[in-house]
PDB file of N, CA and C in Angstrom:
ATOM      1  N   MET A   1      21.333 -19.617  21.609  1.00  0.00           N
ATOM      2  CA  MET A   1      21.041 -19.322  20.217  1.00  0.00           C
ATOM      3  C   MET A   1      19.535 -19.187  19.993  1.00  0.00           C
ATOM      4  N   ALA A   2      18.765 -20.047  20.654  1.00  0.00           N
ATOM      5  CA  ALA A   2      17.311 -20.003  20.495  1.00  0.00           C
ATOM      6  C   ALA A   2      16.747 -18.706  21.047  1.00  0.00           C
ATOM      7  N   SER A   3      17.327 -18.198  22.140  1.00  0.00           N
ATOM      8  CA  SER A   3      16.828 -16.948  22.708  1.00  0.00           C
ATOM      9  C   SER A   3      17.127 -15.769  21.784  1.00  0.00           C
ATOM     10  N   LEU A   4      18.257 -15.811  21.067  1.00  0.00           N
ATOM     11  CA  LEU A   4      18.583 -14.754  20.111  1.00  0.00           C
ATOM     12  C   LEU A   4      17.581 -14.754  18.962  1.00  0.00           C
ATOM     13  N   ILE A   5      17.262 -15.916  18.449  1.00  0.00           N
ATOM     14  CA  ILE A   5      16.285 -16.022  17.363  1.00  0.00           C
ATOM     15  C   ILE A   5      14.917 -15.547  17.835  1.00  0.00           C
ATOM     16  N   GLN A   6      14.541 -15.939  19.035  1.00  0.00           N
ATOM     17  CA  GLN A   6      13.264 -15.511  19.584  1.00  0.00           C
ATOM     18  C   GLN A   6      13.241 -13.992  19.782  1.00  0.00           C
ATOM     19  N   HIS A   7      14.346 -13.414  20.232  1.00  0.00           N
ATOM     20  CA  HIS A   7      14.431 -11.967  20.417  1.00  0.00           C
ATOM     21  C   HIS A   7      14.307 -11.240  19.079  1.00  0.00           C
ATOM     22  N   LEU A   8      15.008 -11.711  18.050  1.00  0.00           N
ATOM     23  CA  LEU A   8      14.920 -11.092  16.729  1.00  0.00           C
ATOM     24  C   LEU A   8      13.518 -11.225  16.152  1.00  0.00           C
ATOM     25  N   TYR A   9      12.888 -12.366  16.372  1.00  0.00           N
ATOM     26  CA  TYR A   9      11.536 -12.609  15.892  1.00  0.00           C
ATOM     27  C   TYR A   9      10.558 -11.633  16.551  1.00  0.00           C
ATOM     28  N   SER A  10      10.644 -11.468  17.870  1.00  0.00           N
ATOM     29  CA  SER A  10       9.741 -10.553  18.568  1.00  0.00           C
ATOM     30  C   SER A  10      10.049  -9.098  18.209  1.00  0.00           C
ATOM     31  N   PHE A  11      11.319  -8.755  17.953  1.00  0.00           N
ATOM     32  CA  PHE A  11      11.693  -7.405  17.545  1.00  0.00           C
ATOM     33  C   PHE A  11      11.084  -7.068  16.187  1.00  0.00           C
ATOM     34  N   ARG A  12      11.146  -8.017  15.264  1.00  0.00           N
ATOM     35  CA  ARG A  12      10.599  -7.798  13.921  1.00  0.00           C
ATOM     36  C   ARG A  12       9.100  -7.553  13.988  1.00  0.00           C
ATOM     37  N   PHE A  13       8.394  -8.382  14.742  1.00  0.00           N
ATOM     38  CA  PHE A  13       6.958  -8.207  14.819  1.00  0.00           C
ATOM     39  C   PHE A  13       6.570  -7.006  15.661  1.00  0.00           C
ATOM     40  N   GLY A  14       7.427  -6.575  16.559  1.00  0.00           N
ATOM     41  CA  GLY A  14       7.181  -5.339  17.289  1.00  0.00           C
ATOM     42  C   GLY A  14       7.241  -4.135  16.367  1.00  0.00           C
ATOM     43  N   ILE A  15       8.196  -4.133  15.450  1.00  0.00           N
ATOM     44  CA  ILE A  15       8.313  -3.045  14.477  1.00  0.00           C
ATOM     45  C   ILE A  15       7.116  -3.050  13.536  1.00  0.00           C
ATOM     46  N   LEU A  16       6.688  -4.237  13.090  1.00  0.00           N
ATOM     47  CA  LEU A  16       5.520  -4.312  12.206  1.00  0.00           C
ATOM     48  C   LEU A  16       4.259  -3.834  12.910  1.00  0.00           C
ATOM     49  N   THR A  17       4.113  -4.189  14.162  1.00  0.00           N
ATOM     50  CA  THR A  17       2.953  -3.741  14.923  1.00  0.00           C
ATOM     51  C   THR A  17       2.964  -2.228  15.080  1.00  0.00           C
ATOM     52  N   PHE A  18       4.132  -1.665  15.360  1.00  0.00           N
ATOM     53  CA  PHE A  18       4.255  -0.210  15.470  1.00  0.00           C
ATOM     54  C   PHE A  18       3.919   0.459  14.134  1.00  0.00           C
ATOM     55  N   ALA A  19       4.452  -0.052  13.027  1.00  0.00           N
ATOM     56  CA  ALA A  19       4.208   0.539  11.704  1.00  0.00           C
ATOM     57  C   ALA A  19       2.728   0.443  11.333  1.00  0.00           C
ATOM     58  N   ARG A  20       2.102  -0.690  11.626  1.00  0.00           N
ATOM     59  CA  ARG A  20       0.670  -0.835  11.341  1.00  0.00           C
ATOM     60  C   ARG A  20      -0.152   0.181  12.124  1.00  0.00           C
ATOM     61  N   GLY A  21       0.156   0.315  13.402  1.00  0.00           N
ATOM     62  CA  GLY A  21      -0.568   1.279  14.219  1.00  0.00           C
ATOM     63  C   GLY A  21      -0.363   2.702  13.749  1.00  0.00           C
ATOM     64  N   TRP A  22       0.865   3.045  13.377  1.00  0.00           N
ATOM     65  CA  TRP A  22       1.165   4.391  12.904  1.00  0.00           C
ATOM     66  C   TRP A  22       0.414   4.686  11.602  1.00  0.00           C
ATOM     67  N   LEU A  23       0.427   3.735  10.652  1.00  0.00           N
ATOM     68  CA  LEU A  23      -0.259   3.943   9.384  1.00  0.00           C
ATOM     69  C   LEU A  23      -1.770   4.017   9.572  1.00  0.00           C
ATOM     70  N   ASN A  24      -2.322   3.197  10.464  1.00  0.00           N
ATOM     71  CA  ASN A  24      -3.764   3.209  10.696  1.00  0.00           C
ATOM     72  C   ASN A  24      -4.220   4.482  11.394  1.00  0.00           C
ATOM     73  N   ASN A  25      -3.372   5.087  12.211  1.00  0.00           N
ATOM     74  CA  ASN A  25      -3.753   6.288  12.943  1.00  0.00           C
ATOM     75  C   ASN A  25      -3.386   7.582  12.232  1.00  0.00           C
ATOM     76  N   LEU A  26      -2.724   7.479  11.083  1.00  0.00           N
ATOM     77  CA  LEU A  26      -2.346   8.670  10.335  1.00  0.00           C
ATOM     78  C   LEU A  26      -3.590   9.296   9.707  1.00  0.00           C
ATOM     79  N   GLU A  27      -3.836  10.538  10.058  1.00  0.00           N
ATOM     80  CA  GLU A  27      -4.996  11.251   9.529  1.00  0.00           C
ATOM     81  C   GLU A  27      -4.560  12.201   8.427  1.00  0.00           C
ATOM     82  N   VAL A  28      -5.385  12.292   7.410  1.00  0.00           N
ATOM     83  CA  VAL A  28      -5.079  13.142   6.265  1.00  0.00           C
ATOM     84  C   VAL A  28      -5.965  14.377   6.333  1.00  0.00           C
ATOM     85  N   HIS A  29      -5.356  15.541   6.589  1.00  0.00           N
ATOM     86  CA  HIS A  29      -6.083  16.804   6.659  1.00  0.00           C
ATOM     87  C   HIS A  29      -5.375  17.890   5.858  1.00  0.00           C
ATOM     88  N   ASP A  30      -4.589  17.492   4.888  1.00  0.00           N
ATOM     89  CA  ASP A  30      -3.829  18.449   4.102  1.00  0.00           C
ATOM     90  C   ASP A  30      -3.920  18.051   2.631  1.00  0.00           C
ATOM     91  N   TYR A  31      -4.232  19.016   1.779  1.00  0.00           N
ATOM     92  CA  TYR A  31      -4.388  18.738   0.354  1.00  0.00           C
ATOM     93  C   TYR A  31      -3.094  18.207  -0.267  1.00  0.00           C
ATOM     94  N   LYS A  32      -1.967  18.835   0.058  1.00  0.00           N
ATOM     95  CA  LYS A  32      -0.694  18.420  -0.547  1.00  0.00           C
ATOM     96  C   LYS A  32      -0.308  17.005  -0.128  1.00  0.00           C
ATOM     97  N   LEU A  33      -0.511  16.667   1.141  1.00  0.00           N
ATOM     98  CA  LEU A  33      -0.206  15.322   1.616  1.00  0.00           C
ATOM     99  C   LEU A  33      -1.109  14.300   0.949  1.00  0.00           C
ATOM    100  N   ALA A  34      -2.400  14.590   0.872  1.00  0.00           N
ATOM    101  CA  ALA A  34      -3.341  13.658   0.248  1.00  0.00           C
ATOM    102  C   ALA A  34      -3.026  13.461  -1.231  1.00  0.00           C
ATOM    103  N   ASP A  35      -2.713  14.542  -1.916  1.00  0.00           N
ATOM    104  CA  ASP A  35      -2.356  14.462  -3.330  1.00  0.00           C
ATOM    105  C   ASP A  35      -1.082  13.643  -3.520  1.00  0.00           C
ATOM    106  N   TRP A  36      -0.086  13.879  -2.682  1.00  0.00           N
ATOM    107  CA  TRP A  36       1.176  13.141  -2.763  1.00  0.00           C
ATOM    108  C   TRP A  36       0.974  11.650  -2.496  1.00  0.00           C
ATOM    109  N   LEU A  37       0.160  11.310  -1.485  1.00  0.00           N
ATOM    110  CA  LEU A  37      -0.095   9.907  -1.170  1.00  0.00           C
ATOM    111  C   LEU A  37      -0.818   9.199  -2.309  1.00  0.00           C
ATOM    112  N   CYS A  38      -1.794   9.862  -2.900  1.00  0.00           N
ATOM    113  CA  CYS A  38      -2.540   9.239  -3.994  1.00  0.00           C
ATOM    114  C   CYS A  38      -1.679   9.051  -5.238  1.00  0.00           C
ATOM    115  N   LYS A  39      -0.705   9.924  -5.435  1.00  0.00           N
ATOM    116  CA  LYS A  39       0.208   9.765  -6.570  1.00  0.00           C
ATOM    117  C   LYS A  39       1.301   8.749  -6.269  1.00  0.00           C
ATOM    118  N   LEU A  40       1.702   8.641  -5.019  1.00  0.00           N
ATOM    119  CA  LEU A  40       2.780   7.740  -4.630  1.00  0.00           C
ATOM    120  C   LEU A  40       2.325   6.287  -4.564  1.00  0.00           C
ATOM    121  N   ILE A  41       1.172   6.033  -3.977  1.00  0.00           N
ATOM    122  CA  ILE A  41       0.671   4.673  -3.789  1.00  0.00           C
ATOM    123  C   ILE A  41      -0.158   4.295  -5.015  1.00  0.00           C
ATOM    124  N   PRO A  42       0.223   3.257  -5.746  1.00  0.00           N
ATOM    125  CA  PRO A  42      -0.509   2.900  -6.961  1.00  0.00           C
ATOM    126  C   PRO A  42      -1.887   2.324  -6.644  1.00  0.00           C
ATOM    127  N   ALA A  43      -2.816   2.491  -7.595  1.00  0.00           N
ATOM    128  CA  ALA A  43      -4.180   1.988  -7.418  1.00  0.00           C
ATOM    129  C   ALA A  43      -4.240   0.474  -7.550  1.00  0.00           C
ATOM    130  N   SER A  44      -3.336  -0.102  -8.302  1.00  0.00           N
ATOM    131  CA  SER A  44      -3.274  -1.558  -8.448  1.00  0.00           C
ATOM    132  C   SER A  44      -1.819  -1.992  -8.362  1.00  0.00           C
ATOM    133  N   CYS A  45      -1.622  -3.263  -8.157  1.00  0.00           N
ATOM    134  CA  CYS A  45      -0.266  -3.781  -7.971  1.00  0.00           C
ATOM    135  C   CYS A  45       0.543  -3.637  -9.266  1.00  0.00           C
ATOM    136  N   PRO A  46       1.670  -2.933  -9.225  1.00  0.00           N
ATOM    137  CA  PRO A  46       2.457  -2.737 -10.443  1.00  0.00           C
ATOM    138  C   PRO A  46       3.270  -3.963 -10.846  1.00  0.00           C
ATOM    139  N   PHE A  47       3.323  -4.981  -9.990  1.00  0.00           N
ATOM    140  CA  PHE A  47       4.145  -6.148 -10.279  1.00  0.00           C
ATOM    141  C   PHE A  47       3.399  -7.239 -11.025  1.00  0.00           C
ATOM    142  N   GLU A  48       2.082  -7.132 -11.124  1.00  0.00           N
ATOM    143  CA  GLU A  48       1.308  -8.139 -11.844  1.00  0.00           C
ATOM    144  C   GLU A  48       1.572  -7.991 -13.344  1.00  0.00           C
ATOM    145  N   GLN A  49       1.979  -9.066 -13.971  1.00  0.00           N
ATOM    146  CA  GLN A  49       2.332  -9.029 -15.387  1.00  0.00           C
ATOM    147  C   GLN A  49       1.797 -10.269 -16.097  1.00  0.00           C
ATOM    148  N   ALA A  50       1.538 -10.114 -17.363  1.00  0.00           N
ATOM    149  CA  ALA A  50       1.219 -11.245 -18.227  1.00  0.00           C
ATOM    150  C   ALA A  50       2.263 -11.244 -19.344  1.00  0.00           C
ATOM    151  N   ILE A  51       3.042 -12.293 -19.425  1.00  0.00           N
ATOM    152  CA  ILE A  51       4.080 -12.395 -20.447  1.00  0.00           C
ATOM    153  C   ILE A  51       3.481 -13.086 -21.659  1.00  0.00           C
ATOM    154  N   LYS A  52       3.508 -12.383 -22.775  1.00  0.00           N
ATOM    155  CA  LYS A  52       2.888 -12.891 -23.995  1.00  0.00           C
ATOM    156  C   LYS A  52       3.956 -13.244 -25.017  1.00  0.00           C
ATOM    157  N   PHE A  53       3.673 -14.280 -25.764  1.00  0.00           N
ATOM    158  CA  PHE A  53       4.558 -14.709 -26.840  1.00  0.00           C
ATOM    159  C   PHE A  53       3.692 -15.070 -28.025  1.00  0.00           C
ATOM    160  N   TRP A  54       3.873 -14.383 -29.118  1.00  0.00           N
ATOM    161  CA  TRP A  54       3.092 -14.529 -30.343  1.00  0.00           C
ATOM    162  C   TRP A  54       1.598 -14.386 -30.085  1.00  0.00           C
ATOM    163  N   GLY A  55       1.231 -13.414 -29.269  1.00  0.00           N
ATOM    164  CA  GLY A  55      -0.168 -13.091 -29.025  1.00  0.00           C
ATOM    165  C   GLY A  55      -0.859 -13.935 -27.966  1.00  0.00           C
ATOM    166  N   GLY A  56      -0.187 -14.926 -27.403  1.00  0.00           N
ATOM    167  CA  GLY A  56      -0.798 -15.762 -26.367  1.00  0.00           C
ATOM    168  C   GLY A  56      -0.075 -15.625 -25.044  1.00  0.00           C
ATOM    169  N   ASN A  57      -0.802 -15.805 -23.976  1.00  0.00           N
ATOM    170  CA  ASN A  57      -0.194 -15.726 -22.648  1.00  0.00           C
ATOM    171  C   ASN A  57       0.665 -16.953 -22.385  1.00  0.00           C
ATOM    172  N   VAL A  58       1.925 -16.716 -22.050  1.00  0.00           N
ATOM    173  CA  VAL A  58       2.843 -17.797 -21.714  1.00  0.00           C
ATOM    174  C   VAL A  58       2.878 -17.979 -20.202  1.00  0.00           C
ATOM    175  N   VAL A  59       3.072 -16.872 -19.482  1.00  0.00           N
ATOM    176  CA  VAL A  59       3.175 -16.904 -18.032  1.00  0.00           C
ATOM    177  C   VAL A  59       2.404 -15.719 -17.477  1.00  0.00           C
ATOM    178  N   HIS A  60       1.715 -15.973 -16.377  1.00  0.00           N
ATOM    179  CA  HIS A  60       1.043 -14.884 -15.664  1.00  0.00           C
ATOM    180  C   HIS A  60       1.666 -14.775 -14.279  1.00  0.00           C
ATOM    181  N   ILE A  61       2.252 -13.605 -13.996  1.00  0.00           N
ATOM    182  CA  ILE A  61       2.850 -13.354 -12.680  1.00  0.00           C
ATOM    183  C   ILE A  61       1.762 -12.715 -11.819  1.00  0.00           C
ATOM    184  N   PRO A  62       1.389 -13.355 -10.719  1.00  0.00           N
ATOM    185  CA  PRO A  62       0.300 -12.818  -9.883  1.00  0.00           C
ATOM    186  C   PRO A  62       0.737 -11.553  -9.147  1.00  0.00           C
ATOM    187  N   PRO A  63      -0.224 -10.808  -8.628  1.00  0.00           N
ATOM    188  CA  PRO A  63       0.140  -9.603  -7.874  1.00  0.00           C
ATOM    189  C   PRO A  63       0.898  -9.977  -6.606  1.00  0.00           C
ATOM    190  N   LEU A  64       2.110  -9.463  -6.490  1.00  0.00           N
ATOM    191  CA  LEU A  64       2.972  -9.800  -5.365  1.00  0.00           C
ATOM    192  C   LEU A  64       2.833  -8.807  -4.216  1.00  0.00           C
ATOM    193  N   CYS A  65       2.051  -7.768  -4.396  1.00  0.00           N
ATOM    194  CA  CYS A  65       1.918  -6.753  -3.351  1.00  0.00           C
ATOM    195  C   CYS A  65       1.299  -7.323  -2.081  1.00  0.00           C
ATOM    196  N   LYS A  66       0.462  -8.338  -2.219  1.00  0.00           N
ATOM    197  CA  LYS A  66      -0.193  -8.898  -1.035  1.00  0.00           C
ATOM    198  C   LYS A  66       0.781  -9.647  -0.139  1.00  0.00           C
ATOM    199  N   LEU A  67       2.000  -9.869  -0.597  1.00  0.00           N
ATOM    200  CA  LEU A  67       3.024 -10.458   0.252  1.00  0.00           C
ATOM    201  C   LEU A  67       3.620  -9.430   1.215  1.00  0.00           C
ATOM    202  N   ASN A  68       3.395  -8.153   0.942  1.00  0.00           N
ATOM    203  CA  ASN A  68       3.876  -7.081   1.807  1.00  0.00           C
ATOM    204  C   ASN A  68       3.080  -7.114   3.109  1.00  0.00           C
ATOM    205  N   PRO A  69       3.741  -7.188   4.257  1.00  0.00           N
ATOM    206  CA  PRO A  69       3.002  -7.257   5.518  1.00  0.00           C
ATOM    207  C   PRO A  69       2.230  -5.981   5.864  1.00  0.00           C
ATOM    208  N   LEU A  70       2.518  -4.886   5.194  1.00  0.00           N
ATOM    209  CA  LEU A  70       1.817  -3.622   5.446  1.00  0.00           C
ATOM    210  C   LEU A  70       0.878  -3.251   4.305  1.00  0.00           C
ATOM    211  N   TYR A  71       0.550  -4.203   3.443  1.00  0.00           N
ATOM    212  CA  TYR A  71      -0.256  -3.939   2.253  1.00  0.00           C
ATOM    213  C   TYR A  71      -1.618  -3.337   2.602  1.00  0.00           C
ATOM    214  N   GLU A  72      -2.337  -3.948   3.521  1.00  0.00           N
ATOM    215  CA  GLU A  72      -3.680  -3.482   3.880  1.00  0.00           C
ATOM    216  C   GLU A  72      -3.644  -2.065   4.446  1.00  0.00           C
ATOM    217  N   GLU A  73      -2.653  -1.768   5.257  1.00  0.00           N
ATOM    218  CA  GLU A  73      -2.553  -0.449   5.863  1.00  0.00           C
ATOM    219  C   GLU A  73      -2.226   0.623   4.820  1.00  0.00           C
ATOM    220  N   ILE A  74      -1.370   0.291   3.866  1.00  0.00           N
ATOM    221  CA  ILE A  74      -0.993   1.249   2.826  1.00  0.00           C
ATOM    222  C   ILE A  74      -2.170   1.528   1.897  1.00  0.00           C
ATOM    223  N   VAL A  75      -2.902   0.489   1.522  1.00  0.00           N
ATOM    224  CA  VAL A  75      -4.073   0.668   0.665  1.00  0.00           C
ATOM    225  C   VAL A  75      -5.140   1.469   1.413  1.00  0.00           C
ATOM    226  N   SER A  76      -5.297   1.217   2.698  1.00  0.00           N
ATOM    227  CA  SER A  76      -6.259   1.962   3.502  1.00  0.00           C
ATOM    228  C   SER A  76      -5.869   3.434   3.598  1.00  0.00           C
ATOM    229  N   LEU A  77      -4.584   3.714   3.732  1.00  0.00           N
ATOM    230  CA  LEU A  77      -4.106   5.098   3.776  1.00  0.00           C
ATOM    231  C   LEU A  77      -4.394   5.808   2.461  1.00  0.00           C
ATOM    232  N   ARG A  78      -4.187   5.131   1.345  1.00  0.00           N
ATOM    233  CA  ARG A  78      -4.484   5.727   0.039  1.00  0.00           C
ATOM    234  C   ARG A  78      -5.974   6.019  -0.092  1.00  0.00           C
ATOM    235  N   LEU A  79      -6.801   5.102   0.394  1.00  0.00           N
ATOM    236  CA  LEU A  79      -8.240   5.304   0.332  1.00  0.00           C
ATOM    237  C   LEU A  79      -8.672   6.500   1.194  1.00  0.00           C
ATOM    238  N   ARG A  80      -8.091   6.638   2.378  1.00  0.00           N
ATOM    239  CA  ARG A  80      -8.415   7.787   3.231  1.00  0.00           C
ATOM    240  C   ARG A  80      -7.990   9.091   2.571  1.00  0.00           C
ATOM    241  N   ALA A  81      -6.826   9.094   1.932  1.00  0.00           N
ATOM    242  CA  ALA A  81      -6.352  10.301   1.236  1.00  0.00           C
ATOM    243  C   ALA A  81      -7.264  10.633   0.050  1.00  0.00           C
ATOM    244  N   LEU A  82      -7.672   9.617  -0.688  1.00  0.00           N
ATOM    245  CA  LEU A  82      -8.549   9.831  -1.835  1.00  0.00           C
ATOM    246  C   LEU A  82      -9.916  10.336  -1.375  1.00  0.00           C
ATOM    247  N   CYS A  83     -10.433   9.780  -0.291  1.00  0.00           N
ATOM    248  CA  CYS A  83     -11.718  10.249   0.250  1.00  0.00           C
ATOM    249  C   CYS A  83     -11.622  11.694   0.712  1.00  0.00           C
ATOM    250  N   TYR A  84     -10.507  12.076   1.308  1.00  0.00           N
ATOM    251  CA  TYR A  84     -10.314  13.466   1.725  1.00  0.00           C
ATOM    252  C   TYR A  84     -10.328  14.393   0.508  1.00  0.00           C
ATOM    253  N   LEU A  85      -9.621  13.986  -0.552  1.00  0.00           N
ATOM    254  CA  LEU A  85      -9.566  14.830  -1.744  1.00  0.00           C
ATOM    255  C   LEU A  85     -10.942  14.994  -2.379  1.00  0.00           C
ATOM    256  N   VAL A  86     -11.712  13.927  -2.399  1.00  0.00           N
ATOM    257  CA  VAL A  86     -13.035  13.996  -3.027  1.00  0.00           C
ATOM    258  C   VAL A  86     -14.041  14.717  -2.130  1.00  0.00           C
ATOM    259  N   ASP A  87     -14.111  14.326  -0.868  1.00  0.00           N
ATOM    260  CA  ASP A  87     -15.135  14.878   0.027  1.00  0.00           C
ATOM    261  C   ASP A  87     -14.838  16.293   0.490  1.00  0.00           C
ATOM    262  N   GLU A  88     -13.624  16.549   0.909  1.00  0.00           N
ATOM    263  CA  GLU A  88     -13.288  17.851   1.496  1.00  0.00           C
ATOM    264  C   GLU A  88     -12.820  18.875   0.463  1.00  0.00           C
ATOM    265  N   CYS A  89     -12.044  18.424  -0.512  1.00  0.00           N
ATOM    266  CA  CYS A  89     -11.456  19.364  -1.476  1.00  0.00           C
ATOM    267  C   CYS A  89     -12.230  19.448  -2.780  1.00  0.00           C
ATOM    268  N   GLY A  90     -13.138  18.506  -3.015  1.00  0.00           N
ATOM    269  CA  GLY A  90     -13.935  18.533  -4.241  1.00  0.00           C
ATOM    270  C   GLY A  90     -13.166  18.158  -5.497  1.00  0.00           C
ATOM    271  N   CYS A  91     -12.094  17.390  -5.357  1.00  0.00           N
ATOM    272  CA  CYS A  91     -11.299  16.975  -6.519  1.00  0.00           C
ATOM    273  C   CYS A  91     -11.973  15.823  -7.249  1.00  0.00           C
ATOM    274  N   ASP A  92     -11.590  15.623  -8.477  1.00  0.00           N
ATOM    275  CA  ASP A  92     -12.099  14.533  -9.283  1.00  0.00           C
ATOM    276  C   ASP A  92     -11.248  13.290  -9.011  1.00  0.00           C
ATOM    277  N   ALA A  93     -11.887  12.205  -8.606  1.00  0.00           N
ATOM    278  CA  ALA A  93     -11.160  10.991  -8.230  1.00  0.00           C
ATOM    279  C   ALA A  93     -10.550  10.281  -9.438  1.00  0.00           C
ATOM    280  N   THR A  94     -11.041  10.548 -10.633  1.00  0.00           N
ATOM    281  CA  THR A  94     -10.502   9.859 -11.808  1.00  0.00           C
ATOM    282  C   THR A  94      -9.078  10.295 -12.134  1.00  0.00           C
ATOM    283  N   LEU A  95      -8.628  11.396 -11.561  1.00  0.00           N
ATOM    284  CA  LEU A  95      -7.246  11.831 -11.775  1.00  0.00           C
ATOM    285  C   LEU A  95      -6.247  10.882 -11.113  1.00  0.00           C
ATOM    286  N   TYR A  96      -6.685  10.134 -10.107  1.00  0.00           N
ATOM    287  CA  TYR A  96      -5.792   9.304  -9.323  1.00  0.00           C
ATOM    288  C   TYR A  96      -5.971   7.805  -9.582  1.00  0.00           C
ATOM    289  N   LEU A  97      -6.753   7.443 -10.570  1.00  0.00           N
ATOM    290  CA  LEU A  97      -6.952   6.010 -10.862  1.00  0.00           C
ATOM    291  C   LEU A  97      -6.010   5.508 -11.898  1.00  0.00           C
TER     292      LEU A  97
END
């Protein structure tokens, strides 16, 4: 049983390592791809919320995106796409914020 758990554990981290490497090595050289990535990946975490009751904050839900094991790679990919759009295509970066 322990070997099965160890095998599943190493399989999971093998997939994460592969996904991290793939995302880090993905190059953006196409306007449509860069535009799609910047529209798809949000600039800030959409899960962060402040619940208000009668004008005062009752509960603050922190950004949960950092729990994603691929968070850094996805944000880096968005930044590379945004840099391509600004530097190579001459687009206005405020359209994607």
